[in-house]
N, C-alpha and C. Protein backbone atom coordinates (compact mmCIF):
# COMPACT_ATOMS: atom_id res chain seq x y z
N MET A 1 0.82 -1.15 0.00
CA MET A 1 0.00 0.00 0.00
C MET A 1 0.88 1.23 0.00
N ASN A 2 0.53 2.08 -0.79
CA ASN A 2 1.34 3.28 -0.84
C ASN A 2 0.63 4.39 -0.08
N LYS A 3 1.27 5.50 -0.06
CA LYS A 3 0.79 6.66 0.69
C LYS A 3 -0.54 7.17 0.17
N ASN A 4 -0.69 7.18 -1.12
CA ASN A 4 -1.93 7.69 -1.71
C ASN A 4 -3.12 6.79 -1.37
N ASP A 5 -2.87 5.51 -1.36
CA ASP A 5 -3.95 4.58 -1.00
C ASP A 5 -4.39 4.80 0.44
N LYS A 6 -3.43 5.00 1.34
CA LYS A 6 -3.77 5.24 2.73
C LYS A 6 -4.55 6.54 2.89
N LYS A 7 -4.13 7.56 2.16
CA LYS A 7 -4.83 8.84 2.24
C LYS A 7 -6.24 8.71 1.72
N SER A 8 -6.43 7.97 0.63
CA SER A 8 -7.77 7.83 0.07
C SER A 8 -8.67 7.02 1.01
N ASP A 9 -8.07 6.00 1.70
CA ASP A 9 -8.85 5.23 2.68
C ASP A 9 -9.26 6.12 3.85
N ILE A 10 -8.34 6.92 4.35
CA ILE A 10 -8.65 7.82 5.46
C ILE A 10 -9.69 8.85 5.03
N ALA A 11 -9.54 9.39 3.81
CA ALA A 11 -10.47 10.37 3.30
C ALA A 11 -11.85 9.75 3.14
N SER A 12 -11.91 8.51 2.63
CA SER A 12 -13.21 7.87 2.45
C SER A 12 -13.84 7.55 3.80
N ASP A 13 -12.98 7.18 4.79
CA ASP A 13 -13.51 6.96 6.14
C ASP A 13 -14.06 8.25 6.72
N GLN A 14 -13.35 9.35 6.50
CA GLN A 14 -13.81 10.63 7.03
C GLN A 14 -15.09 11.08 6.32
N VAL A 15 -15.19 10.79 5.07
CA VAL A 15 -16.37 11.18 4.31
C VAL A 15 -17.56 10.33 4.76
N GLU A 16 -17.34 9.01 4.98
CA GLU A 16 -18.42 8.12 5.38
C GLU A 16 -18.85 8.38 6.81
N ASN A 17 -17.98 8.70 7.69
CA ASN A 17 -18.33 8.89 9.10
C ASN A 17 -19.34 10.03 9.31
N PRO A 18 -19.13 11.21 8.70
CA PRO A 18 -20.15 12.25 8.91
C PRO A 18 -21.51 11.83 8.38
N ILE A 19 -21.54 11.13 7.30
CA ILE A 19 -22.83 10.69 6.76
C ILE A 19 -23.46 9.67 7.70
N ASP A 20 -22.65 8.73 8.19
CA ASP A 20 -23.15 7.74 9.14
C ASP A 20 -23.65 8.43 10.41
N ASP A 21 -22.88 9.45 10.86
CA ASP A 21 -23.30 10.18 12.06
C ASP A 21 -24.63 10.90 11.81
N GLN A 22 -24.76 11.48 10.61
CA GLN A 22 -26.02 12.16 10.31
C GLN A 22 -27.18 11.17 10.25
N ILE A 23 -26.97 10.03 9.69
CA ILE A 23 -28.02 9.01 9.60
C ILE A 23 -28.41 8.55 11.00
N THR A 24 -27.44 8.29 11.85
CA THR A 24 -27.76 7.85 13.21
C THR A 24 -28.42 8.98 13.99
N ASP A 25 -28.00 10.24 13.74
CA ASP A 25 -28.65 11.38 14.40
C ASP A 25 -30.09 11.50 13.93
N GLN A 26 -30.29 11.30 12.62
CA GLN A 26 -31.65 11.39 12.09
C GLN A 26 -32.51 10.26 12.66
N GLU A 27 -31.95 9.06 12.74
CA GLU A 27 -32.69 7.95 13.31
C GLU A 27 -33.01 8.22 14.78
N ALA A 28 -32.02 8.76 15.50
CA ALA A 28 -32.23 9.08 16.91
C ALA A 28 -33.26 10.19 17.05
N MET A 29 -33.15 11.19 16.19
CA MET A 29 -34.12 12.28 16.23
C MET A 29 -35.50 11.76 15.88
N SER A 30 -35.55 10.90 14.89
CA SER A 30 -36.86 10.41 14.51
C SER A 30 -37.42 9.53 15.63
N LYS A 31 -36.58 8.75 16.30
CA LYS A 31 -37.05 7.95 17.44
C LYS A 31 -37.47 8.87 18.58
N GLU A 32 -36.69 9.92 18.81
CA GLU A 32 -37.02 10.89 19.86
C GLU A 32 -38.32 11.61 19.51
N GLU A 33 -38.44 11.99 18.23
CA GLU A 33 -39.67 12.64 17.79
C GLU A 33 -40.86 11.68 17.89
N GLN A 34 -40.61 10.41 17.57
CA GLN A 34 -41.67 9.42 17.68
C GLN A 34 -42.12 9.27 19.14
N LEU A 35 -41.15 9.23 20.03
CA LEU A 35 -41.47 9.11 21.46
C LEU A 35 -42.21 10.35 21.95
N GLU A 36 -41.76 11.52 21.49
CA GLU A 36 -42.44 12.76 21.88
C GLU A 36 -43.88 12.77 21.35
N GLU A 37 -44.03 12.31 20.12
CA GLU A 37 -45.37 12.26 19.52
C GLU A 37 -46.26 11.27 20.29
N ALA A 38 -45.68 10.12 20.64
CA ALA A 38 -46.44 9.13 21.40
C ALA A 38 -46.82 9.69 22.77
N LEU A 39 -45.90 10.38 23.41
CA LEU A 39 -46.17 11.00 24.71
C LEU A 39 -47.26 12.06 24.58
N LYS A 40 -47.18 12.84 23.52
CA LYS A 40 -48.18 13.87 23.28
C LYS A 40 -49.57 13.25 23.09
N LEU A 41 -49.63 12.15 22.34
CA LEU A 41 -50.90 11.45 22.13
C LEU A 41 -51.44 10.88 23.45
N GLU A 42 -50.56 10.32 24.25
CA GLU A 42 -50.99 9.77 25.54
C GLU A 42 -51.48 10.87 26.49
N LYS A 43 -50.79 12.00 26.48
CA LYS A 43 -51.24 13.13 27.31
C LYS A 43 -52.61 13.60 26.86
N ASP A 44 -52.80 13.71 25.55
CA ASP A 44 -54.09 14.14 25.01
C ASP A 44 -55.18 13.14 25.39
N LYS A 45 -54.86 11.86 25.27
CA LYS A 45 -55.82 10.81 25.63
C LYS A 45 -56.16 10.90 27.12
N PHE A 46 -55.17 11.12 27.95
CA PHE A 46 -55.38 11.25 29.39
C PHE A 46 -56.26 12.46 29.71
N LEU A 47 -55.97 13.60 29.10
CA LEU A 47 -56.76 14.81 29.35
C LEU A 47 -58.21 14.62 28.93
N ARG A 48 -58.40 13.98 27.79
CA ARG A 48 -59.78 13.73 27.32
C ARG A 48 -60.52 12.78 28.27
N LEU A 49 -59.82 11.75 28.71
CA LEU A 49 -60.42 10.80 29.65
C LEU A 49 -60.75 11.49 30.97
N PHE A 50 -59.86 12.34 31.44
CA PHE A 50 -60.08 13.07 32.69
C PHE A 50 -61.28 14.01 32.55
N ALA A 51 -61.35 14.72 31.43
CA ALA A 51 -62.48 15.63 31.20
C ALA A 51 -63.79 14.85 31.10
N GLU A 52 -63.75 13.72 30.44
CA GLU A 52 -64.95 12.88 30.32
C GLU A 52 -65.40 12.39 31.71
N PHE A 53 -64.45 12.03 32.55
CA PHE A 53 -64.77 11.57 33.90
C PHE A 53 -65.36 12.71 34.73
N GLU A 54 -64.82 13.91 34.61
CA GLU A 54 -65.36 15.07 35.33
C GLU A 54 -66.80 15.35 34.88
N ASN A 55 -67.04 15.28 33.58
CA ASN A 55 -68.40 15.47 33.06
C ASN A 55 -69.34 14.39 33.60
N TYR A 56 -68.86 13.16 33.68
CA TYR A 56 -69.64 12.06 34.21
C TYR A 56 -70.00 12.31 35.68
N LYS A 57 -69.03 12.77 36.46
CA LYS A 57 -69.30 13.06 37.88
C LYS A 57 -70.34 14.15 38.02
N ARG A 58 -70.23 15.23 37.23
CA ARG A 58 -71.20 16.32 37.29
C ARG A 58 -72.59 15.84 36.88
N ARG A 59 -72.63 15.05 35.81
CA ARG A 59 -73.91 14.56 35.31
C ARG A 59 -74.59 13.64 36.33
N THR A 60 -73.84 12.74 36.95
CA THR A 60 -74.44 11.83 37.92
C THR A 60 -74.86 12.58 39.18
N ALA A 61 -74.10 13.59 39.58
CA ALA A 61 -74.50 14.39 40.75
C ALA A 61 -75.80 15.13 40.45
N LYS A 62 -75.92 15.68 39.25
CA LYS A 62 -77.15 16.39 38.87
C LYS A 62 -78.32 15.41 38.80
N GLU A 63 -78.09 14.23 38.24
CA GLU A 63 -79.15 13.24 38.15
C GLU A 63 -79.60 12.80 39.54
N ARG A 64 -78.65 12.67 40.47
CA ARG A 64 -78.98 12.28 41.84
C ARG A 64 -79.84 13.35 42.50
N ILE A 65 -79.49 14.61 42.32
CA ILE A 65 -80.28 15.71 42.89
C ILE A 65 -81.67 15.73 42.27
N ASP A 66 -81.75 15.55 40.95
CA ASP A 66 -83.05 15.51 40.28
C ASP A 66 -83.89 14.34 40.77
N LEU A 67 -83.25 13.20 41.03
CA LEU A 67 -83.97 12.04 41.54
C LEU A 67 -84.57 12.33 42.91
N PHE A 68 -83.80 12.98 43.78
CA PHE A 68 -84.32 13.33 45.10
C PHE A 68 -85.49 14.30 44.97
N LYS A 69 -85.38 15.26 44.05
CA LYS A 69 -86.46 16.21 43.85
C LYS A 69 -87.72 15.53 43.35
N THR A 70 -87.58 14.64 42.38
CA THR A 70 -88.76 13.97 41.83
C THR A 70 -89.33 12.98 42.82
N ALA A 71 -88.50 12.36 43.63
CA ALA A 71 -89.01 11.43 44.63
C ALA A 71 -89.85 12.19 45.65
N SER A 72 -89.38 13.34 46.09
CA SER A 72 -90.17 14.13 47.03
C SER A 72 -91.38 14.75 46.35
N GLU A 73 -91.30 15.01 45.05
CA GLU A 73 -92.43 15.57 44.33
C GLU A 73 -93.61 14.61 44.35
N ASP A 74 -93.36 13.33 44.16
CA ASP A 74 -94.43 12.34 44.19
C ASP A 74 -95.10 12.29 45.56
N VAL A 75 -94.30 12.33 46.61
CA VAL A 75 -94.85 12.33 47.97
C VAL A 75 -95.66 13.60 48.21
N MET A 76 -95.12 14.73 47.79
CA MET A 76 -95.82 16.01 47.99
C MET A 76 -97.15 16.01 47.24
N LEU A 77 -97.15 15.52 46.00
CA LEU A 77 -98.39 15.49 45.22
C LEU A 77 -99.45 14.62 45.90
N SER A 78 -99.02 13.53 46.51
CA SER A 78 -99.99 12.66 47.17
C SER A 78 -100.50 13.26 48.48
N LEU A 79 -99.76 14.20 49.08
CA LEU A 79 -100.20 14.84 50.33
C LEU A 79 -101.03 16.10 50.10
N LEU A 80 -101.04 16.63 48.90
CA LEU A 80 -101.82 17.85 48.64
C LEU A 80 -103.32 17.69 48.90
N PRO A 81 -103.95 16.57 48.54
CA PRO A 81 -105.36 16.41 48.89
C PRO A 81 -105.61 16.42 50.41
N VAL A 82 -104.65 15.92 51.17
CA VAL A 82 -104.77 15.95 52.63
C VAL A 82 -104.76 17.40 53.12
N LEU A 83 -103.89 18.22 52.54
CA LEU A 83 -103.87 19.64 52.91
C LEU A 83 -105.21 20.30 52.57
N ASP A 84 -105.75 19.97 51.40
CA ASP A 84 -107.05 20.51 51.00
C ASP A 84 -108.14 20.09 51.99
N ASP A 85 -108.10 18.82 52.41
CA ASP A 85 -109.09 18.33 53.37
C ASP A 85 -108.97 19.05 54.71
N PHE A 86 -107.76 19.31 55.14
CA PHE A 86 -107.58 20.06 56.39
C PHE A 86 -108.17 21.46 56.28
N ASP A 87 -107.97 22.11 55.14
CA ASP A 87 -108.53 23.46 54.95
C ASP A 87 -110.06 23.42 54.98
N ARG A 88 -110.65 22.43 54.29
CA ARG A 88 -112.11 22.30 54.29
C ARG A 88 -112.64 21.99 55.69
N ALA A 89 -111.94 21.09 56.40
CA ALA A 89 -112.35 20.74 57.76
C ALA A 89 -112.28 21.96 58.67
N TYR A 90 -111.23 22.74 58.53
CA TYR A 90 -111.07 23.94 59.36
C TYR A 90 -112.23 24.91 59.13
N ILE A 91 -112.61 25.10 57.87
CA ILE A 91 -113.70 26.02 57.54
C ILE A 91 -115.01 25.52 58.15
N GLU A 92 -115.27 24.22 58.04
CA GLU A 92 -116.52 23.67 58.56
C GLU A 92 -116.56 23.67 60.09
N ILE A 93 -115.45 23.34 60.72
CA ILE A 93 -115.41 23.31 62.19
C ILE A 93 -115.48 24.73 62.74
N ALA A 94 -114.97 25.70 61.99
CA ALA A 94 -115.04 27.10 62.44
C ALA A 94 -116.49 27.58 62.52
N LYS A 95 -117.38 26.95 61.76
CA LYS A 95 -118.80 27.33 61.79
C LYS A 95 -119.50 26.84 63.06
N THR A 96 -118.92 25.84 63.73
CA THR A 96 -119.52 25.30 64.94
C THR A 96 -119.00 26.02 66.17
N LYS A 97 -119.50 25.60 67.33
CA LYS A 97 -119.07 26.19 68.60
C LYS A 97 -117.93 25.39 69.23
N GLU A 98 -117.44 24.37 68.57
CA GLU A 98 -116.38 23.51 69.10
C GLU A 98 -115.00 24.17 68.91
N LYS A 99 -114.65 25.07 69.80
CA LYS A 99 -113.38 25.79 69.65
C LYS A 99 -112.17 24.90 69.98
N ASP A 100 -112.33 23.93 70.90
CA ASP A 100 -111.23 23.02 71.21
C ASP A 100 -110.93 22.10 70.02
N LEU A 101 -111.98 21.64 69.36
CA LEU A 101 -111.82 20.82 68.17
C LEU A 101 -111.14 21.63 67.06
N LEU A 102 -111.56 22.87 66.93
CA LEU A 102 -110.97 23.76 65.93
C LEU A 102 -109.48 23.96 66.21
N LYS A 103 -109.14 24.14 67.47
CA LYS A 103 -107.73 24.33 67.85
C LYS A 103 -106.90 23.08 67.55
N GLY A 104 -107.47 21.89 67.79
CA GLY A 104 -106.76 20.63 67.51
C GLY A 104 -106.51 20.44 66.02
N VAL A 105 -107.54 20.70 65.23
CA VAL A 105 -107.38 20.57 63.77
C VAL A 105 -106.35 21.59 63.27
N GLU A 106 -106.40 22.78 63.83
CA GLU A 106 -105.46 23.83 63.43
C GLU A 106 -104.02 23.43 63.77
N LEU A 107 -103.80 22.85 64.94
CA LEU A 107 -102.45 22.41 65.35
C LEU A 107 -101.91 21.33 64.41
N ILE A 108 -102.75 20.34 64.12
CA ILE A 108 -102.32 19.26 63.23
C ILE A 108 -102.04 19.79 61.83
N SER A 109 -102.93 20.64 61.34
CA SER A 109 -102.77 21.22 60.01
C SER A 109 -101.48 22.04 59.93
N ASN A 110 -101.23 22.87 60.94
CA ASN A 110 -100.02 23.69 60.94
C ASN A 110 -98.76 22.83 61.01
N LYS A 111 -98.80 21.76 61.79
CA LYS A 111 -97.63 20.87 61.88
C LYS A 111 -97.34 20.23 60.53
N LEU A 112 -98.39 19.76 59.85
CA LEU A 112 -98.20 19.15 58.53
C LEU A 112 -97.68 20.18 57.54
N LYS A 113 -98.26 21.36 57.53
CA LYS A 113 -97.83 22.42 56.60
C LYS A 113 -96.38 22.83 56.85
N ASN A 114 -96.01 22.96 58.12
CA ASN A 114 -94.62 23.35 58.45
C ASN A 114 -93.63 22.26 58.05
N THR A 115 -94.02 21.01 58.24
CA THR A 115 -93.14 19.90 57.84
C THR A 115 -92.93 19.90 56.32
N LEU A 116 -94.03 20.06 55.59
CA LEU A 116 -93.92 20.08 54.12
C LEU A 116 -93.16 21.32 53.65
N LYS A 117 -93.35 22.43 54.34
CA LYS A 117 -92.63 23.66 53.98
C LYS A 117 -91.13 23.48 54.19
N SER A 118 -90.75 22.77 55.25
CA SER A 118 -89.32 22.53 55.50
C SER A 118 -88.70 21.64 54.43
N LYS A 119 -89.54 20.87 53.75
CA LYS A 119 -89.07 20.01 52.65
C LYS A 119 -89.13 20.70 51.31
N GLY A 120 -89.53 21.99 51.30
CA GLY A 120 -89.48 22.77 50.06
C GLY A 120 -90.82 23.08 49.42
N LEU A 121 -91.93 22.64 50.02
CA LEU A 121 -93.24 22.90 49.44
C LEU A 121 -93.71 24.30 49.83
N GLU A 122 -94.16 25.05 48.84
CA GLU A 122 -94.67 26.40 49.08
C GLU A 122 -95.99 26.57 48.36
N GLN A 123 -96.86 27.35 48.96
CA GLN A 123 -98.14 27.65 48.31
C GLN A 123 -97.92 28.78 47.32
N VAL A 124 -98.55 28.66 46.15
CA VAL A 124 -98.49 29.73 45.16
C VAL A 124 -99.44 30.82 45.65
N GLU A 125 -98.87 31.96 45.98
CA GLU A 125 -99.66 33.05 46.55
C GLU A 125 -100.39 33.81 45.46
N LEU A 126 -101.70 33.93 45.62
CA LEU A 126 -102.50 34.77 44.74
C LEU A 126 -103.80 35.11 45.46
N ILE A 127 -104.33 36.23 45.11
CA ILE A 127 -105.59 36.69 45.69
C ILE A 127 -106.53 37.12 44.58
N PRO A 128 -107.83 37.10 44.85
CA PRO A 128 -108.75 37.61 43.83
C PRO A 128 -108.39 39.04 43.46
N GLY A 129 -108.36 39.31 42.19
CA GLY A 129 -107.97 40.63 41.69
C GLY A 129 -106.61 40.62 41.03
N ASP A 130 -105.84 39.54 41.23
CA ASP A 130 -104.55 39.44 40.55
C ASP A 130 -104.77 39.22 39.06
N VAL A 131 -103.80 39.63 38.28
CA VAL A 131 -103.87 39.45 36.82
C VAL A 131 -103.68 37.96 36.51
N PHE A 132 -104.51 37.44 35.61
CA PHE A 132 -104.41 36.04 35.20
C PHE A 132 -103.17 35.84 34.35
N ASN A 133 -102.39 34.80 34.67
CA ASN A 133 -101.19 34.45 33.92
C ASN A 133 -101.30 32.97 33.58
N ALA A 134 -101.44 32.64 32.31
CA ALA A 134 -101.63 31.25 31.88
C ALA A 134 -100.44 30.37 32.20
N ASP A 135 -99.27 30.97 32.43
CA ASP A 135 -98.08 30.17 32.75
C ASP A 135 -98.11 29.63 34.18
N ILE A 136 -98.80 30.32 35.08
CA ILE A 136 -98.80 29.88 36.48
C ILE A 136 -100.20 29.64 37.05
N HIS A 137 -101.25 29.90 36.27
CA HIS A 137 -102.62 29.68 36.73
C HIS A 137 -103.34 28.75 35.76
N GLU A 138 -104.33 28.03 36.28
CA GLU A 138 -105.17 27.19 35.43
C GLU A 138 -106.59 27.73 35.53
N ALA A 139 -107.13 28.19 34.42
CA ALA A 139 -108.47 28.77 34.40
C ALA A 139 -109.49 27.64 34.32
N ILE A 140 -110.41 27.62 35.27
CA ILE A 140 -111.48 26.62 35.28
C ILE A 140 -112.65 27.11 34.43
N THR A 141 -113.02 28.35 34.66
CA THR A 141 -114.14 28.92 33.92
C THR A 141 -114.02 30.43 33.90
N GLN A 142 -114.89 31.04 33.08
CA GLN A 142 -114.98 32.50 33.02
C GLN A 142 -116.40 32.89 33.39
N ILE A 143 -116.50 33.92 34.18
CA ILE A 143 -117.81 34.43 34.55
C ILE A 143 -117.85 35.92 34.23
N PRO A 144 -119.04 36.51 34.12
CA PRO A 144 -119.10 37.96 33.92
C PRO A 144 -118.47 38.66 35.13
N ALA A 145 -117.59 39.58 34.86
CA ALA A 145 -116.88 40.27 35.94
C ALA A 145 -117.86 41.11 36.75
N PRO A 146 -117.78 40.98 38.10
CA PRO A 146 -118.67 41.79 38.94
C PRO A 146 -118.42 43.28 38.75
N THR A 147 -117.17 43.66 38.51
CA THR A 147 -116.83 45.06 38.26
C THR A 147 -115.92 45.12 37.04
N ASN A 148 -115.82 46.31 36.47
CA ASN A 148 -114.99 46.47 35.28
C ASN A 148 -113.50 46.23 35.57
N ASP A 149 -113.06 46.53 36.77
CA ASP A 149 -111.63 46.37 37.07
C ASP A 149 -111.24 44.90 37.23
N LEU A 150 -112.19 43.95 37.29
CA LEU A 150 -111.89 42.52 37.40
C LEU A 150 -111.92 41.80 36.05
N LYS A 151 -112.13 42.53 34.96
CA LYS A 151 -112.11 41.90 33.64
C LYS A 151 -110.71 41.40 33.32
N GLY A 152 -110.59 40.11 32.98
CA GLY A 152 -109.29 39.50 32.66
C GLY A 152 -108.47 39.21 33.90
N LYS A 153 -109.08 39.37 35.06
CA LYS A 153 -108.36 39.12 36.32
C LYS A 153 -109.02 37.97 37.07
N ILE A 154 -108.34 37.51 38.10
CA ILE A 154 -108.84 36.39 38.90
C ILE A 154 -109.97 36.87 39.80
N VAL A 155 -111.12 36.21 39.70
CA VAL A 155 -112.28 36.55 40.51
C VAL A 155 -112.33 35.68 41.76
N ASP A 156 -112.00 34.37 41.59
CA ASP A 156 -112.06 33.43 42.71
C ASP A 156 -110.99 32.36 42.54
N VAL A 157 -110.51 31.83 43.67
CA VAL A 157 -109.55 30.73 43.67
C VAL A 157 -110.30 29.48 44.09
N VAL A 158 -110.41 28.50 43.18
CA VAL A 158 -111.14 27.27 43.46
C VAL A 158 -110.27 26.28 44.21
N GLU A 159 -109.00 26.14 43.78
CA GLU A 159 -108.07 25.21 44.42
C GLU A 159 -106.69 25.86 44.48
N LYS A 160 -106.06 25.75 45.63
CA LYS A 160 -104.73 26.36 45.82
C LYS A 160 -103.70 25.64 44.96
N GLY A 161 -102.68 26.40 44.58
CA GLY A 161 -101.56 25.83 43.84
C GLY A 161 -100.35 25.73 44.73
N TYR A 162 -99.45 24.80 44.39
CA TYR A 162 -98.25 24.59 45.19
C TYR A 162 -97.05 24.45 44.28
N LYS A 163 -95.90 24.86 44.81
CA LYS A 163 -94.65 24.68 44.07
C LYS A 163 -93.63 24.04 44.98
N LEU A 164 -92.76 23.27 44.37
CA LEU A 164 -91.68 22.59 45.07
C LEU A 164 -90.38 23.17 44.53
N GLY A 165 -89.74 23.99 45.32
CA GLY A 165 -88.58 24.73 44.84
C GLY A 165 -89.05 25.77 43.85
N ASP A 166 -88.55 25.73 42.62
CA ASP A 166 -88.96 26.67 41.58
C ASP A 166 -90.02 26.09 40.65
N LYS A 167 -90.33 24.81 40.82
CA LYS A 167 -91.24 24.13 39.90
C LYS A 167 -92.65 24.08 40.50
N ILE A 168 -93.62 24.49 39.71
CA ILE A 168 -95.01 24.40 40.15
C ILE A 168 -95.47 22.96 39.96
N ILE A 169 -95.88 22.31 41.07
CA ILE A 169 -96.31 20.91 40.97
C ILE A 169 -97.84 20.78 40.88
N ARG A 170 -98.55 21.82 41.31
CA ARG A 170 -100.00 21.88 41.09
C ARG A 170 -100.37 23.34 40.84
N PHE A 171 -100.93 23.60 39.68
CA PHE A 171 -101.31 24.96 39.31
C PHE A 171 -102.59 25.35 40.06
N PRO A 172 -102.65 26.61 40.51
CA PRO A 172 -103.88 27.04 41.17
C PRO A 172 -105.03 27.11 40.16
N LYS A 173 -106.19 26.60 40.55
CA LYS A 173 -107.37 26.62 39.67
C LYS A 173 -108.18 27.86 40.02
N VAL A 174 -108.41 28.68 39.01
CA VAL A 174 -109.03 29.98 39.25
C VAL A 174 -110.22 30.23 38.31
N VAL A 175 -111.04 31.17 38.73
CA VAL A 175 -112.16 31.65 37.91
C VAL A 175 -111.78 33.05 37.45
N ILE A 176 -111.98 33.32 36.15
CA ILE A 176 -111.58 34.60 35.56
C ILE A 176 -112.83 35.42 35.22
N GLY A 177 -112.70 36.71 35.42
CA GLY A 177 -113.80 37.63 35.04
C GLY A 177 -113.71 37.99 33.57
N GLN A 178 -114.89 38.07 32.91
CA GLN A 178 -114.94 38.40 31.49
C GLN A 178 -115.29 39.85 31.30
């Protein structure tokens, strides 16, 4: 081997080494980029799963609250006729001379009303002369208005209305003046 052959071998080795280094750097970079991309995808998947789980928790909590509200709504609806009966009994007993009986019925009625009120039941407040609103009142019939100022307004309340929280569970039944 002569000097020129050795120089050409060294030169070819030097020329091949940078290319080999670049190829291995590119492979390493591409592997590093692949790992970064895989990590990025896993992070995205994790964040989406976490967000989905948070939405699930919120949805089930809301459903649970709605279930409690509707469960109590059924009980409240079944007790409304009892409240009506207490009111009718109070009116009839008030006509008699039995004041002790009247006091007993009043105590029981108040206890029941206070218990239901503590559970969220409220009476829809209205008096004759209020403006009729189809969204919160149920018109039973229309009669000729006794006075001109009662036209289109509530003349009489036939049955009380009740609401549970913000939802009306029984609309008040009213008579409207024509």
